[in-house]
Amino acid sequence: MATAEERIHPEVLLGQRIKALRLGRGWTLEQLGQQSGLARSTLSKIENGQMSPTYDALIKLASGLGLDLGQLFSPQAAPALAGRRSIHRAGSGLPHPTPHYRHLLLCNELAQKDMIPFKSTVTARAFEDFDDWSRHDGEEFVYVLTGEITLYTEFYEPADLGPGDAWYIDSRLGHRVVSRSAKDAEVLWVSTTHPKETG
């Protein structure tokens, strides 16, 4: 039987967590907006469970709060230590639905990870489903598990990929992913949230 917390929608739980993190710092919505680069109205909707933030918005929120992305979802995230390990069991993970994907964040008990792994169901069906390109600091690797997808990027021709195909991109390159399958495609997505070192 599901617990009371499990019966609450993921968007509501995430919103409550972000609000608690903001209030814990004594910040107003305007102050969090200044730190994260997100509009006050957007933050209000996220905190009230009226909007599920995109991955780009999650990264901005985590950066603005000075946290690892996983810490937005879990208050018990462990500190960074040498020799760490995380096991992900089937049926576990933190769900995070967005307008274009249903993400399941994996191996969440480790904080300050260099990589954020998640399994994603691609629900978008057309390039026009998106308001804008997705772009953020870091890099990402995606491996197609089931279905057929099209990867759109700013400076390249669209690429159709199927099970066993993969791509790796600089995440600052605008990108969108859509499913071409009768059923939603599923992919393994691994993303970094920090810019590459230069020099």
Protein backbone atom coordinates (compact mmCIF):
# COMPACT_ATOMS: atom_id res chain seq x y z
CA MET A 1 0.00 0.00 0.00
CA ALA A 2 1.31 3.46 -0.93
CA THR A 3 2.30 5.85 1.83
CA ALA A 4 0.67 9.28 2.11
CA GLU A 5 3.81 10.81 0.60
CA GLU A 6 3.81 8.38 -2.33
CA ARG A 7 0.20 9.34 -3.13
CA ILE A 8 1.23 12.99 -3.60
CA HIS A 9 2.10 13.92 -7.18
CA PRO A 10 5.86 14.27 -7.84
CA GLU A 11 5.35 17.91 -8.93
CA VAL A 12 3.82 18.75 -5.54
CA LEU A 13 6.60 17.02 -3.58
CA LEU A 14 9.26 18.79 -5.65
CA GLY A 15 7.52 22.12 -5.20
CA GLN A 16 7.35 21.63 -1.43
CA ARG A 17 11.03 20.71 -1.34
CA ILE A 18 12.08 23.79 -3.35
CA LYS A 19 9.94 26.08 -1.19
CA ALA A 20 11.49 24.60 1.98
CA LEU A 21 14.98 25.11 0.56
CA ARG A 22 14.16 28.72 -0.36
CA LEU A 23 12.59 29.54 3.02
CA GLY A 24 15.47 27.82 4.79
CA ARG A 25 17.74 30.43 3.23
CA GLY A 26 15.35 33.23 4.16
CA TRP A 27 14.84 34.10 0.49
CA THR A 28 11.81 35.55 -1.25
CA LEU A 29 10.70 34.27 -4.64
CA GLU A 30 12.35 37.34 -6.15
CA GLN A 31 15.68 36.47 -4.52
CA LEU A 32 15.52 32.88 -5.77
CA GLY A 33 14.65 34.26 -9.20
CA GLN A 34 17.76 36.45 -9.14
CA GLN A 35 19.93 33.50 -8.12
CA SER A 36 18.45 31.02 -10.60
CA GLY A 37 17.53 33.20 -13.56
CA LEU A 38 13.92 31.96 -13.47
CA ALA A 39 10.90 34.26 -13.41
CA ARG A 40 9.03 34.76 -10.13
CA SER A 41 5.80 33.55 -11.73
CA THR A 42 7.51 30.36 -12.91
CA LEU A 43 8.97 29.72 -9.46
CA SER A 44 5.57 30.28 -7.83
CA LYS A 45 3.95 27.73 -10.15
CA ILE A 46 6.72 25.20 -9.46
CA GLU A 47 6.47 25.64 -5.68
CA ASN A 48 2.69 25.23 -5.79
CA GLY A 49 2.86 22.06 -7.89
CA GLN A 50 1.19 23.77 -10.86
CA MET A 51 4.16 23.27 -13.20
CA SER A 52 6.69 20.51 -13.66
CA PRO A 53 10.04 22.20 -14.41
CA THR A 54 12.06 21.17 -17.43
CA TYR A 55 15.51 19.68 -16.96
CA ASP A 56 17.03 23.06 -17.89
CA ALA A 57 14.97 24.77 -15.17
CA LEU A 58 15.99 22.12 -12.62
CA ILE A 59 19.65 22.79 -13.34
CA LYS A 60 19.11 26.54 -12.90
CA LEU A 61 17.27 25.95 -9.62
CA ALA A 62 19.99 23.66 -8.27
CA SER A 63 22.70 26.12 -9.27
CA GLY A 64 20.82 29.07 -7.77
CA LEU A 65 20.39 27.19 -4.49
CA GLY A 66 24.00 25.98 -4.52
CA LEU A 67 22.96 22.33 -4.62
CA ASP A 68 23.52 19.19 -6.61
CA LEU A 69 20.53 18.38 -8.83
CA GLY A 70 19.67 15.28 -6.79
CA GLN A 71 19.43 17.37 -3.62
CA LEU A 72 16.38 19.14 -5.07
CA PHE A 73 14.55 15.83 -4.75
CA SER A 74 16.06 14.23 -1.66
CA PRO A 75 16.92 15.92 1.65
CA GLN A 76 18.97 12.88 2.72
CA ALA A 77 21.55 13.15 -0.07
CA ALA A 78 24.94 11.96 1.19
CA PRO A 79 27.98 14.27 1.20
CA ALA A 80 30.77 13.77 -1.30
CA LEU A 81 33.24 11.14 -0.07
CA ALA A 82 35.91 9.04 -1.75
CA GLY A 83 35.01 5.46 -2.62
CA ARG A 84 31.28 6.08 -2.97
CA ARG A 85 28.83 3.61 -4.48
CA SER A 86 25.17 3.66 -5.42
CA ILE A 87 22.99 0.71 -6.45
CA HIS A 88 19.78 1.31 -8.35
CA ARG A 89 17.10 -1.36 -7.98
CA ALA A 90 14.39 -1.99 -10.56
CA GLY A 91 11.18 -0.20 -9.65
CA SER A 92 12.94 2.53 -7.68
CA GLY A 93 14.03 6.04 -8.66
CA LEU A 94 12.59 9.52 -8.43
CA PRO A 95 9.97 10.30 -11.10
CA HIS A 96 10.01 13.73 -12.72
CA PRO A 97 7.49 14.26 -15.54
CA THR A 98 7.87 17.24 -17.87
CA PRO A 99 5.81 18.34 -20.90
CA HIS A 100 8.09 16.35 -23.27
CA TYR A 101 9.62 13.55 -21.21
CA ARG A 102 8.92 11.39 -18.17
CA HIS A 103 12.25 11.20 -16.37
CA LEU A 104 13.11 8.65 -13.69
CA LEU A 105 16.20 9.85 -11.81
CA LEU A 106 18.55 7.01 -10.86
CA CYS A 107 21.11 6.51 -8.03
CA ASN A 108 19.83 9.53 -6.11
CA GLU A 109 21.36 9.03 -2.68
CA LEU A 110 24.74 10.37 -3.83
CA ALA A 111 25.11 14.16 -3.78
CA GLN A 112 27.57 16.21 -5.81
CA LYS A 113 27.78 13.69 -8.63
CA ASP A 114 29.62 14.59 -11.84
CA MET A 115 26.93 12.75 -13.82
CA ILE A 116 23.14 12.65 -13.46
CA PRO A 117 21.74 9.35 -14.81
CA PHE A 118 18.07 8.92 -15.62
CA LYS A 119 15.80 6.72 -17.69
CA SER A 120 13.48 8.79 -19.83
CA THR A 121 10.29 8.11 -21.71
CA VAL A 122 10.10 10.44 -24.71
CA THR A 123 6.51 11.66 -25.08
CA ALA A 124 7.05 14.56 -27.50
CA ARG A 125 5.99 13.71 -31.04
CA ALA A 126 7.00 16.75 -33.12
CA PHE A 127 9.65 19.47 -33.30
CA GLU A 128 6.85 22.00 -32.83
CA ASP A 129 5.89 20.50 -29.46
CA PHE A 130 8.74 22.52 -27.92
CA ASP A 131 8.67 26.27 -27.29
CA ASP A 132 12.44 26.57 -27.54
CA TRP A 133 15.68 24.60 -27.71
CA SER A 134 16.85 22.83 -24.57
CA ARG A 135 20.36 23.98 -23.64
CA HIS A 136 22.44 24.14 -20.46
CA ASP A 137 26.00 23.77 -19.22
CA GLY A 138 27.59 20.33 -19.34
CA GLU A 139 27.48 17.39 -21.71
CA GLU A 140 25.09 14.49 -22.21
CA PHE A 141 25.01 10.95 -23.48
CA VAL A 142 21.81 9.21 -24.56
CA TYR A 143 21.35 5.53 -25.45
CA VAL A 144 18.10 4.43 -27.09
CA LEU A 145 16.52 1.48 -25.26
CA THR A 146 13.21 1.03 -27.09
CA GLY A 147 11.36 2.76 -29.90
CA GLU A 148 12.53 5.20 -32.55
CA ILE A 149 13.49 8.82 -31.88
CA THR A 150 14.65 11.86 -33.81
CA LEU A 151 17.39 14.07 -32.37
CA TYR A 152 17.17 17.69 -33.50
CA THR A 153 20.18 19.97 -32.90
CA GLU A 154 20.82 23.59 -33.84
CA PHE A 155 23.68 23.12 -36.29
CA TYR A 156 23.16 19.60 -37.63
CA GLU A 157 20.62 17.76 -39.73
CA PRO A 158 18.05 15.77 -37.70
CA ALA A 159 19.20 12.24 -36.85
CA ASP A 160 16.87 9.24 -36.58
CA LEU A 161 17.97 6.65 -34.01
CA GLY A 162 16.67 3.28 -32.82
CA PRO A 163 17.47 0.71 -30.14
CA GLY A 164 21.22 0.43 -29.58
CA ASP A 165 21.95 3.82 -31.17
CA ALA A 166 23.39 6.63 -29.04
CA TRP A 167 24.58 10.21 -29.15
CA TYR A 168 26.88 12.47 -27.15
CA ILE A 169 26.61 16.26 -27.28
CA ASP A 170 27.80 19.47 -25.68
CA SER A 171 24.59 20.43 -23.85
CA ARG A 172 25.05 24.10 -24.75
CA LEU A 173 24.09 23.05 -28.29
CA GLY A 174 20.33 23.54 -28.60
CA HIS A 175 18.60 20.16 -28.79
CA ARG A 176 15.18 18.51 -28.85
CA VAL A 177 14.23 14.83 -28.88
CA VAL A 178 10.96 13.41 -30.21
CA SER A 179 9.56 9.89 -30.42
CA ARG A 180 8.69 8.52 -33.88
CA SER A 181 7.27 5.25 -32.49
CA ALA A 182 3.64 4.27 -32.07
CA LYS A 183 4.57 3.85 -28.38
CA ASP A 184 6.69 6.32 -26.46
CA ALA A 185 10.41 5.65 -26.89
CA GLU A 186 12.62 4.98 -23.86
CA VAL A 187 16.22 6.09 -23.47
CA LEU A 188 19.00 6.02 -20.90
CA TRP A 189 20.12 9.63 -20.40
CA VAL A 190 23.33 10.64 -18.61
CA SER A 191 24.04 14.34 -18.19
CA THR A 192 26.67 16.44 -16.51
CA THR A 193 25.54 19.71 -14.94
CA HIS A 194 28.78 21.66 -14.98
CA PRO A 195 30.67 23.35 -17.83
CA LYS A 196 33.82 21.78 -19.24
CA GLU A 197 37.13 23.00 -17.84
CA THR A 198 39.01 25.18 -20.31
CA GLY A 199 42.64 26.17 -20.50
